[in-house]
């Protein structure tokens, strides 16, 4: 039976998938006329039937489906579903080593376009892959899957005892374990080391020092910051993860206070203060920041068109690819007092389908992937922080941030806003930085509060104690 709570998501996902095909595109408007409802239903039904088998045609190799299987050689076959496409090559190395280490189990990686939509579709039809790479607790989809019982309770697995102490409670849902964390990412400020050395610039330790530095750069004829505000998610990240996260740390306490009516977005002084900082530092951007997108910003920064660029560690491979010789560093956005934190999120978790027919075999693979050597292999290739003990982060281009984390100043983000609130924030945050027709900070935050309170039950259901 289909999971009724995911039915609407399934319909949207399948419709989105089908609309990308020329066949449905032509069927929807034959001769300029709208397709009749009966014909649309037939197409959607075909798409729904196909959704469960999308995994087999996504370029990720053969799939055993969501319930495991036996190959002709007698081996148990398991499907490993990867959502983070950038990590596919690294996961393939881990899978190859696992397959070669024993003769009973064969794991095959599956990579598909629009993996989130496909995963939702497969969850709604009861056909989840055996092993799934998912996001952290700050990922609303991960939380929804756990809430609806799609992931196996893996409490007691040996590898969980090796999770970094600070993450132990953060990876639990209602007191139980459903995921094994592999790596964490973080946000910060990239800087061009050559420009800093040539001009005698120093990495700032407080917010005032950062603003003084930006002013000096501007007087020197340099562009202090690049802001890819054409993509609003980067502006949200600039505010929440970089500026607010480095000052506040984790956001769960304040979100809980808002949900319980103890404060609001506009009454919380730090939200208003950090959003004002977003506006202020934009005075030192490249001009029309709304005209620049993420990909072009990567290229522009890598080729020396600005001194600093606020982004996450995931941008580093793209920066190095654009300019392998670039001498780049990274520091955490400085707070007023200098007691700067590093805003972090668990990036890669491994989960097992609750319907996996070969759960013990799946656990063996997860234990292998979460072993010290495999996690070291993963973080070395991914430029990320390990979630397991006795694994060393090797990110020389971001050593300043690694040092802060190792000094206990990492702040793990473990909550996601309800989708309606997230959409409201992303759809309107650009107005805050518009000089003329923009929206003032108080109005923006007040609107966030109204939308949040309309959806607070969704938040409390996932994150309430």
Protein backbone atom coordinates (compact mmCIF):
# COMPACT_ATOMS: atom_id res chain seq x y z
CA UNK A 1 0.00 0.00 0.00
CA UNK A 2 1.24 3.49 -0.78
CA UNK A 3 2.17 5.81 2.06
CA UNK A 4 -0.69 8.30 1.90
CA UNK A 5 1.34 11.06 3.60
CA UNK A 6 3.68 11.10 0.60
CA UNK A 7 1.00 10.84 -2.10
CA UNK A 8 1.02 14.53 -2.97
CA UNK A 9 4.82 14.58 -3.08
CA UNK A 10 4.76 11.51 -5.32
CA UNK A 11 2.34 13.14 -7.74
CA UNK A 12 4.45 16.29 -7.91
CA UNK A 13 7.67 14.32 -8.34
CA UNK A 14 6.29 12.08 -11.07
CA UNK A 15 4.66 14.97 -12.86
CA UNK A 16 7.91 16.93 -12.72
CA UNK A 17 9.82 13.95 -14.07
CA UNK A 18 7.34 13.25 -16.86
CA UNK A 19 7.13 16.88 -17.93
CA UNK A 20 10.79 16.72 -18.84
CA UNK A 21 10.08 14.14 -21.52
CA UNK A 22 9.16 15.35 -24.98
CA UNK A 23 6.35 12.80 -25.18
CA UNK A 24 4.42 14.26 -22.27
CA UNK A 25 5.30 17.82 -23.28
CA UNK A 26 3.63 17.22 -26.63
CA UNK A 27 0.75 15.30 -25.07
CA UNK A 28 -0.06 18.11 -22.67
CA UNK A 29 -0.77 20.58 -25.44
CA UNK A 30 -1.55 18.73 -28.68
CA UNK A 31 -2.34 21.29 -31.30
CA UNK A 32 -2.32 24.01 -28.68
CA UNK A 33 -5.15 22.42 -26.67
CA UNK A 34 -4.88 21.35 -23.07
CA UNK A 35 -4.79 17.64 -22.44
CA UNK A 36 -7.97 16.24 -21.00
CA UNK A 37 -7.94 15.20 -17.37
CA UNK A 38 -8.51 11.55 -18.21
CA UNK A 39 -5.50 11.41 -20.49
CA UNK A 40 -3.35 13.25 -17.93
CA UNK A 41 -4.31 10.72 -15.29
CA UNK A 42 -3.22 7.90 -17.58
CA UNK A 43 0.13 9.53 -18.21
CA UNK A 44 0.67 10.16 -14.51
CA UNK A 45 -0.24 6.56 -13.71
CA UNK A 46 2.35 5.39 -16.22
CA UNK A 47 4.86 7.74 -14.63
CA UNK A 48 4.03 6.44 -11.17
CA UNK A 49 4.54 2.86 -12.29
CA UNK A 50 7.86 3.89 -13.79
CA UNK A 51 8.99 5.79 -10.70
CA UNK A 52 9.83 2.65 -8.84
CA UNK A 53 12.11 1.51 -11.63
CA UNK A 54 13.74 4.85 -12.37
CA UNK A 55 16.77 3.74 -10.44
CA UNK A 56 17.64 1.15 -13.03
CA UNK A 57 17.92 3.66 -15.85
CA UNK A 58 19.79 6.48 -14.15
CA UNK A 59 23.29 5.58 -15.24
CA UNK A 60 24.14 3.96 -11.93
CA UNK A 61 24.38 0.33 -13.00
CA UNK A 62 22.03 -2.55 -12.32
CA UNK A 63 19.67 -2.26 -9.39
CA UNK A 64 18.33 -4.93 -7.12
CA UNK A 65 15.36 -2.80 -6.11
CA UNK A 66 14.44 -1.80 -2.60
CA UNK A 67 14.19 -5.28 -1.10
CA UNK A 68 17.58 -6.75 -1.92
CA UNK A 69 18.08 -9.80 -4.10
CA UNK A 70 20.28 -12.68 -5.07
CA UNK A 71 22.53 -12.58 -8.11
CA UNK A 72 23.14 -15.54 -10.37
CA UNK A 73 26.37 -16.15 -8.46
CA UNK A 74 24.45 -16.63 -5.25
CA UNK A 75 25.57 -13.31 -3.76
CA UNK A 76 23.16 -11.01 -1.97
CA UNK A 77 22.68 -7.91 -4.12
CA UNK A 78 22.16 -4.54 -2.48
CA UNK A 79 21.40 -1.18 -4.03
CA UNK A 80 23.25 1.85 -2.69
CA UNK A 81 21.41 5.05 -3.64
CA UNK A 82 23.57 8.17 -3.80
CA UNK A 83 22.04 11.65 -3.61
CA UNK A 84 25.31 13.58 -3.50
CA UNK A 85 26.52 13.22 -7.07
CA UNK A 86 29.87 14.90 -6.32
CA UNK A 87 30.68 12.02 -3.97
CA UNK A 88 29.78 9.23 -6.38
CA UNK A 89 33.37 8.49 -7.39
CA UNK A 90 34.48 8.26 -3.77
CA UNK A 91 31.58 6.01 -2.85
CA UNK A 92 32.44 3.82 -5.82
CA UNK A 93 35.93 3.32 -4.37
CA UNK A 94 34.42 2.32 -1.02
CA UNK A 95 31.94 -0.04 -2.68
CA UNK A 96 34.67 -1.66 -4.78
CA UNK A 97 36.79 -2.30 -1.70
CA UNK A 98 33.80 -3.79 0.13
CA UNK A 99 32.85 -6.06 -2.76
CA UNK A 100 36.43 -7.29 -3.01
CA UNK A 101 36.70 -7.86 0.74
CA UNK A 102 34.14 -10.68 0.90
CA UNK A 103 32.23 -13.15 -1.30
CA UNK A 104 28.68 -12.98 0.05
CA UNK A 105 27.41 -9.51 -0.80
CA UNK A 106 27.52 -7.35 -3.92
CA UNK A 107 26.70 -3.66 -3.58
CA UNK A 108 25.87 -1.60 -6.66
CA UNK A 109 25.76 2.18 -6.60
CA UNK A 110 22.78 3.91 -8.17
CA UNK A 111 22.95 7.56 -9.28
CA UNK A 112 19.97 9.29 -10.90
CA UNK A 113 19.08 12.84 -11.92
CA UNK A 114 16.72 14.62 -9.51
CA UNK A 115 17.53 12.10 -6.82
CA UNK A 116 15.37 13.76 -4.16
CA UNK A 117 12.25 13.54 -6.32
CA UNK A 118 13.02 9.95 -7.26
CA UNK A 119 13.60 9.02 -3.63
CA UNK A 120 10.29 10.54 -2.57
CA UNK A 121 8.52 8.66 -5.34
CA UNK A 122 10.09 5.38 -4.33
CA UNK A 123 9.27 5.97 -0.67
CA UNK A 124 5.63 6.62 -1.53
CA UNK A 125 5.45 3.35 -3.48
CA UNK A 126 7.21 1.35 -0.78
CA UNK A 127 10.27 0.70 -2.94
CA UNK A 128 13.12 2.47 -1.18
CA UNK A 129 16.67 1.37 -2.07
CA UNK A 130 18.40 -0.94 0.39
CA UNK A 131 20.99 1.60 1.54
CA UNK A 132 20.52 5.32 1.09
CA UNK A 133 22.86 8.28 1.39
CA UNK A 134 20.84 11.11 2.95
CA UNK A 135 21.43 14.51 4.48
CA UNK A 136 21.58 15.46 8.14
CA UNK A 137 18.90 16.41 10.64
CA UNK A 138 18.86 19.88 9.10
CA UNK A 139 17.41 18.21 5.98
CA UNK A 140 13.61 18.17 6.21
CA UNK A 141 13.38 15.20 3.84
CA UNK A 142 15.65 13.12 6.07
CA UNK A 143 13.49 13.99 9.07
CA UNK A 144 10.28 13.18 7.20
CA UNK A 145 11.58 9.76 6.16
CA UNK A 146 12.45 8.93 9.76
CA UNK A 147 9.13 10.21 11.07
CA UNK A 148 7.18 8.08 8.61
CA UNK A 149 9.11 4.92 9.41
CA UNK A 150 10.97 4.49 6.12
CA UNK A 151 14.37 3.93 7.76
CA UNK A 152 15.43 0.94 9.82
CA UNK A 153 16.10 1.46 13.52
CA UNK A 154 19.84 0.73 13.67
CA UNK A 155 20.39 1.60 17.33
CA UNK A 156 23.16 -0.57 18.71
CA UNK A 157 25.26 -0.84 15.57
CA UNK A 158 28.94 -0.98 16.49
CA UNK A 159 29.97 1.95 14.31
CA UNK A 160 27.66 4.32 16.19
CA UNK A 161 29.96 4.03 19.18
CA UNK A 162 32.70 5.66 17.09
CA UNK A 163 30.66 8.77 16.29
CA UNK A 164 32.23 11.98 17.60
CA UNK A 165 30.81 12.64 21.07
CA UNK A 166 29.37 16.05 20.16
CA UNK A 167 27.27 14.46 17.40
CA UNK A 168 25.89 11.51 19.39
CA UNK A 169 22.61 13.11 20.44
CA UNK A 170 22.30 15.23 17.30
CA UNK A 171 21.89 12.17 15.06
CA UNK A 172 19.03 10.63 17.05
CA UNK A 173 15.33 10.91 16.23
CA UNK A 174 12.99 10.43 19.17
CA UNK A 175 15.83 8.77 21.06
CA UNK A 176 16.67 6.19 18.39
CA UNK A 177 19.29 5.90 15.64
CA UNK A 178 18.22 5.67 12.02
CA UNK A 179 21.33 7.06 10.32
CA UNK A 180 25.11 6.69 10.54
CA UNK A 181 26.93 10.01 9.98
CA UNK A 182 30.00 10.01 7.76
CA UNK A 183 30.98 13.63 7.16
CA UNK A 184 30.11 17.20 8.07
CA UNK A 185 30.43 20.37 6.03
CA UNK A 186 30.84 23.99 7.09
CA UNK A 187 30.58 27.53 5.83
CA UNK A 188 33.09 30.35 5.89
CA UNK A 189 34.82 33.11 3.95
CA UNK A 190 37.25 32.12 1.21
CA UNK A 191 40.08 34.57 0.68
CA UNK A 192 42.74 35.03 -1.96
CA UNK A 193 45.98 34.46 -0.06
CA UNK A 194 48.15 36.03 -2.74
CA UNK A 195 46.15 39.27 -2.65
CA UNK A 196 46.32 39.30 1.15
CA UNK A 197 50.09 38.76 1.14
CA UNK A 198 50.75 41.27 -1.65
CA UNK A 199 48.73 44.02 0.07
CA UNK A 200 49.62 43.15 3.64
CA UNK A 201 46.05 42.31 4.60
CA UNK A 202 45.46 40.34 7.80
CA UNK A 203 42.71 37.78 8.40
CA UNK A 204 40.17 39.60 10.61
CA UNK A 205 39.30 38.23 14.04
CA UNK A 206 36.31 40.49 14.79
CA UNK A 207 33.49 41.96 12.73
CA UNK A 208 34.87 45.49 13.10
CA UNK A 209 38.22 44.31 11.76
CA UNK A 210 36.44 42.73 8.78
CA UNK A 211 34.66 45.98 7.94
CA UNK A 212 37.89 47.98 8.30
CA UNK A 213 39.61 45.49 5.99
CA UNK A 214 36.83 45.74 3.40
CA UNK A 215 37.07 49.54 3.45
CA UNK A 216 40.84 49.40 2.94
CA UNK A 217 40.44 46.95 0.05
CA UNK A 218 37.91 49.25 -1.58
CA UNK A 219 40.27 52.23 -1.29
CA UNK A 220 43.03 50.09 -2.81
CA UNK A 221 40.86 49.54 -5.88
CA UNK A 222 40.07 45.93 -5.00
CA UNK A 223 36.65 44.28 -4.91
CA UNK A 224 36.38 43.03 -1.32
CA UNK A 225 33.52 40.53 -1.78
CA UNK A 226 31.77 38.59 -4.51
CA UNK A 227 28.07 37.95 -3.87
CA UNK A 228 26.19 35.58 -6.24
CA UNK A 229 22.79 36.93 -5.19
CA UNK A 230 21.16 35.94 -8.47
CA UNK A 231 20.80 32.54 -6.77
CA UNK A 232 18.83 33.40 -3.61
CA UNK A 233 19.95 30.27 -1.74
CA UNK A 234 23.43 31.78 -1.57
CA UNK A 235 22.02 34.88 0.10
CA UNK A 236 20.13 32.75 2.63
CA UNK A 237 23.35 30.89 3.33
CA UNK A 238 25.31 34.14 3.64
CA UNK A 239 22.91 35.22 6.37
CA UNK A 240 22.03 32.05 8.23
CA UNK A 241 25.08 29.84 8.00
CA UNK A 242 27.90 32.32 7.67
CA UNK A 243 26.89 35.41 9.63
CA UNK A 244 24.18 34.28 12.04
CA UNK A 245 25.64 30.81 12.49
CA UNK A 246 29.12 32.06 13.37
CA UNK A 247 27.66 34.38 16.02
CA UNK A 248 24.79 32.30 17.41
CA UNK A 249 25.88 28.73 16.87
CA UNK A 250 23.02 26.24 16.58
CA UNK A 251 19.57 27.63 15.74
CA UNK A 252 17.39 24.93 17.30
CA UNK A 253 16.92 26.75 20.66
CA UNK A 254 15.66 29.96 19.07
CA UNK A 255 13.42 28.08 16.62
CA UNK A 256 11.90 26.18 19.55
CA UNK A 257 11.35 29.46 21.41
CA UNK A 258 9.57 30.93 18.39
CA UNK A 259 7.41 27.83 17.99
CA UNK A 260 6.47 27.99 21.67
CA UNK A 261 5.54 31.68 21.44
CA UNK A 262 8.40 32.89 23.62
CA UNK A 263 9.93 35.15 20.96
CA UNK A 264 9.67 36.01 17.25
CA UNK A 265 12.10 36.40 14.39
CA UNK A 266 11.76 40.19 14.61
CA UNK A 267 12.13 40.31 18.40
CA UNK A 268 15.25 38.14 18.49
CA UNK A 269 18.03 40.72 18.47
CA UNK A 270 20.57 38.48 16.79
CA UNK A 271 18.43 37.78 13.72
CA UNK A 272 17.96 41.51 13.09
CA UNK A 273 21.60 42.27 13.85
CA UNK A 274 23.03 39.60 11.57
CA UNK A 275 20.65 40.45 8.75
CA UNK A 276 21.76 44.08 9.02
CA UNK A 277 25.32 42.84 8.63
CA UNK A 278 24.29 41.18 5.37
CA UNK A 279 23.09 44.56 4.14
CA UNK A 280 26.20 46.35 5.38
CA UNK A 281 28.78 44.04 3.82
CA UNK A 282 26.97 44.29 0.49
CA UNK A 283 28.34 47.83 0.31
CA UNK A 284 31.62 46.10 -0.46
CA UNK A 285 30.35 43.78 -3.17
CA UNK A 286 30.96 43.80 -6.91
CA UNK A 287 28.16 46.19 -7.83
CA UNK A 288 24.98 44.59 -9.12
CA UNK A 289 25.12 41.50 -6.96
CA UNK A 290 21.74 40.28 -8.20
CA UNK A 291 23.20 39.85 -11.69
CA UNK A 292 25.84 37.32 -10.63
CA UNK A 293 25.09 33.60 -10.24
CA UNK A 294 26.90 30.94 -8.23
CA UNK A 295 28.80 29.26 -11.08
CA UNK A 296 30.11 32.53 -12.50
CA UNK A 297 31.07 33.70 -9.01
CA UNK A 298 33.20 30.59 -8.57
CA UNK A 299 35.01 31.39 -11.82
CA UNK A 300 35.39 35.08 -10.99
CA UNK A 301 36.81 34.41 -7.55
CA UNK A 302 39.18 31.73 -8.82
CA UNK A 303 40.55 34.14 -11.42
CA UNK A 304 41.24 36.93 -8.94
CA UNK A 305 38.31 39.29 -9.46
CA UNK A 306 37.70 39.70 -5.72
CA UNK A 307 39.52 39.24 -2.44
CA UNK A 308 36.84 37.29 -0.55
CA UNK A 309 33.93 34.96 -1.28
CA UNK A 310 31.45 33.62 1.29
CA UNK A 311 30.52 30.00 0.66
CA UNK A 312 30.61 26.46 2.02
CA UNK A 313 33.46 23.98 1.87
CA UNK A 314 31.63 22.21 -0.97
CA UNK A 315 32.71 25.06 -3.26
CA UNK A 316 36.41 24.31 -2.80
CA UNK A 317 36.68 21.55 -5.44
CA UNK A 318 35.04 23.86 -8.00
CA UNK A 319 37.36 26.73 -7.09
CA UNK A 320 40.42 24.50 -7.42
CA UNK A 321 39.11 23.12 -10.69
CA UNK A 322 38.66 26.63 -12.08
CA UNK A 323 42.19 27.56 -11.01
CA UNK A 324 44.35 24.67 -9.74
CA UNK A 325 47.15 27.09 -8.89
CA UNK A 326 45.05 29.42 -6.75
CA UNK A 327 46.45 30.08 -3.29
CA UNK A 328 43.21 30.11 -1.31
CA UNK A 329 42.38 30.11 2.38
CA UNK A 330 39.19 30.12 4.45
CA UNK A 331 38.17 31.71 7.75
CA UNK A 332 34.93 31.74 9.71
CA UNK A 333 32.89 34.96 9.48
CA UNK A 334 34.04 36.89 12.56
CA UNK A 335 31.62 37.78 15.35
CA UNK A 336 31.54 41.06 17.29
CA UNK A 337 33.50 39.70 20.23
CA UNK A 338 35.87 37.48 18.30
CA UNK A 339 34.35 34.38 19.93
CA UNK A 340 33.61 33.07 16.46
CA UNK A 341 31.87 29.75 15.92
CA UNK A 342 31.86 27.52 12.84
CA UNK A 343 28.41 26.80 11.42
CA UNK A 344 28.33 23.12 10.47
CA UNK A 345 25.89 20.52 9.21
CA UNK A 346 26.12 16.77 8.84
CA UNK A 347 26.42 16.37 5.10
CA UNK A 348 26.42 12.62 4.51
CA UNK A 349 24.46 10.02 6.47
CA UNK A 350 23.84 6.39 5.59
CA UNK A 351 20.43 4.83 6.23
CA UNK A 352 18.92 1.39 5.60
CA UNK A 353 15.40 0.91 4.26
CA UNK A 354 12.97 -0.43 6.84
CA UNK A 355 11.81 -2.88 4.16
CA UNK A 356 15.27 -4.13 3.20
CA UNK A 357 14.99 -7.93 2.91
CA UNK A 358 18.68 -8.33 3.68
CA UNK A 359 19.09 -5.89 6.54
CA UNK A 360 22.00 -7.75 8.13
CA UNK A 361 23.92 -7.66 4.86
CA UNK A 362 23.15 -3.94 4.53
CA UNK A 363 24.44 -3.38 8.06
CA UNK A 364 27.71 -5.08 7.13
CA UNK A 365 28.22 -2.62 4.30
CA UNK A 366 27.35 0.38 6.49
CA UNK A 367 29.79 -0.82 9.16
CA UNK A 368 32.46 -1.11 6.45
CA UNK A 369 31.72 2.34 4.99
CA UNK A 370 31.79 3.87 8.48
CA UNK A 371 35.11 2.28 9.41
CA UNK A 372 38.10 4.48 10.17
CA UNK A 373 39.89 3.80 6.87
CA UNK A 374 36.81 4.34 4.70
CA UNK A 375 35.76 7.55 6.44
CA UNK A 376 39.33 8.80 6.05
CA UNK A 377 39.15 7.97 2.35
CA UNK A 378 35.86 9.81 2.05
CA UNK A 379 36.82 13.04 3.82
CA UNK A 380 40.18 13.18 2.05
CA UNK A 381 38.39 13.23 -1.30
CA UNK A 382 35.44 15.38 -0.21
CA UNK A 383 37.26 18.18 1.69
CA UNK A 384 34.92 17.58 4.62
CA UNK A 385 35.10 16.96 8.35
CA UNK A 386 34.81 13.41 9.72
CA UNK A 387 31.94 12.43 11.99
CA UNK A 388 33.92 9.46 13.32
CA UNK A 389 36.62 9.43 15.99
CA UNK A 390 40.28 8.84 15.11
CA UNK A 391 39.83 10.24 11.59
CA UNK A 392 41.83 13.33 10.65
CA UNK A 393 40.52 16.25 8.62
CA UNK A 394 43.04 17.15 5.93
CA UNK A 395 41.90 20.44 4.42
CA UNK A 396 44.99 22.69 4.24
CA UNK A 397 43.06 25.39 2.38
CA UNK A 398 40.66 25.69 5.32
CA UNK A 399 43.02 24.97 8.20
CA UNK A 400 41.90 28.05 10.13
CA UNK A 401 38.38 26.62 10.32
CA UNK A 402 39.55 23.08 11.06
CA UNK A 403 41.51 24.49 14.00
CA UNK A 404 38.39 26.21 15.36
CA UNK A 405 36.37 23.01 15.10
CA UNK A 406 39.08 21.01 16.84
CA UNK A 407 39.09 23.71 19.52
CA UNK A 408 35.44 22.93 20.23
CA UNK A 409 33.94 25.91 18.42
CA UNK A 410 31.95 24.01 15.82
CA UNK A 411 28.18 24.58 15.96
CA UNK A 412 26.12 21.80 14.42
CA UNK A 413 22.87 22.83 12.72
CA UNK A 414 20.23 20.17 13.38
CA UNK A 415 16.95 21.77 12.33
CA UNK A 416 15.24 22.66 9.07
CA UNK A 417 12.44 25.18 8.77
CA UNK A 418 9.05 24.00 7.47
CA UNK A 419 8.97 24.16 3.68
CA UNK A 420 6.54 27.08 3.60
CA UNK A 421 8.87 29.12 5.82
CA UNK A 422 11.93 28.12 3.83
CA UNK A 423 10.18 29.11 0.59
CA UNK A 424 9.07 32.44 2.07
CA UNK A 425 12.62 33.21 3.17
CA UNK A 426 14.22 32.27 -0.14
CA UNK A 427 11.60 34.02 -2.26
CA UNK A 428 11.85 37.34 -0.42
CA UNK A 429 15.37 37.71 0.99
CA UNK A 430 16.64 39.44 -2.15
CA UNK A 431 14.32 42.34 -1.35
CA UNK A 432 16.28 43.05 1.83
CA UNK A 433 19.38 44.07 -0.14
CA UNK A 434 17.54 46.08 -2.80
CA UNK A 435 18.40 49.74 -2.19
CA UNK A 436 15.20 51.31 -3.54
CA UNK A 437 12.24 48.97 -4.00
CA UNK A 438 13.40 46.61 -1.26
CA UNK A 439 11.81 45.39 1.96
CA UNK A 440 13.01 46.52 5.37
CA UNK A 441 14.45 43.97 7.77
CA UNK A 442 11.62 44.18 10.30
CA UNK A 443 8.99 43.48 7.64
CA UNK A 444 10.97 40.54 6.30
CA UNK A 445 11.38 39.01 9.76
CA UNK A 446 7.74 39.70 10.71
CA UNK A 447 6.55 37.86 7.61
CA UNK A 448 8.81 34.93 8.50
CA UNK A 449 7.25 34.77 11.96
CA UNK A 450 3.72 34.75 10.55
CA UNK A 451 4.50 31.94 8.14
CA UNK A 452 6.41 29.99 10.80
CA UNK A 453 3.53 30.16 13.28
CA UNK A 454 1.12 28.95 10.61
CA UNK A 455 3.36 25.90 10.20
CA UNK A 456 4.74 25.47 13.72
CA UNK A 457 3.01 22.11 14.26
CA UNK A 458 5.03 20.67 11.38
CA UNK A 459 8.22 21.90 13.01
CA UNK A 460 7.33 20.66 16.50
CA UNK A 461 6.30 17.27 15.16
CA UNK A 462 9.79 16.75 13.78
CA UNK A 463 11.96 18.50 16.34
CA UNK A 464 9.92 18.74 19.53
CA UNK A 465 11.05 16.73 22.52
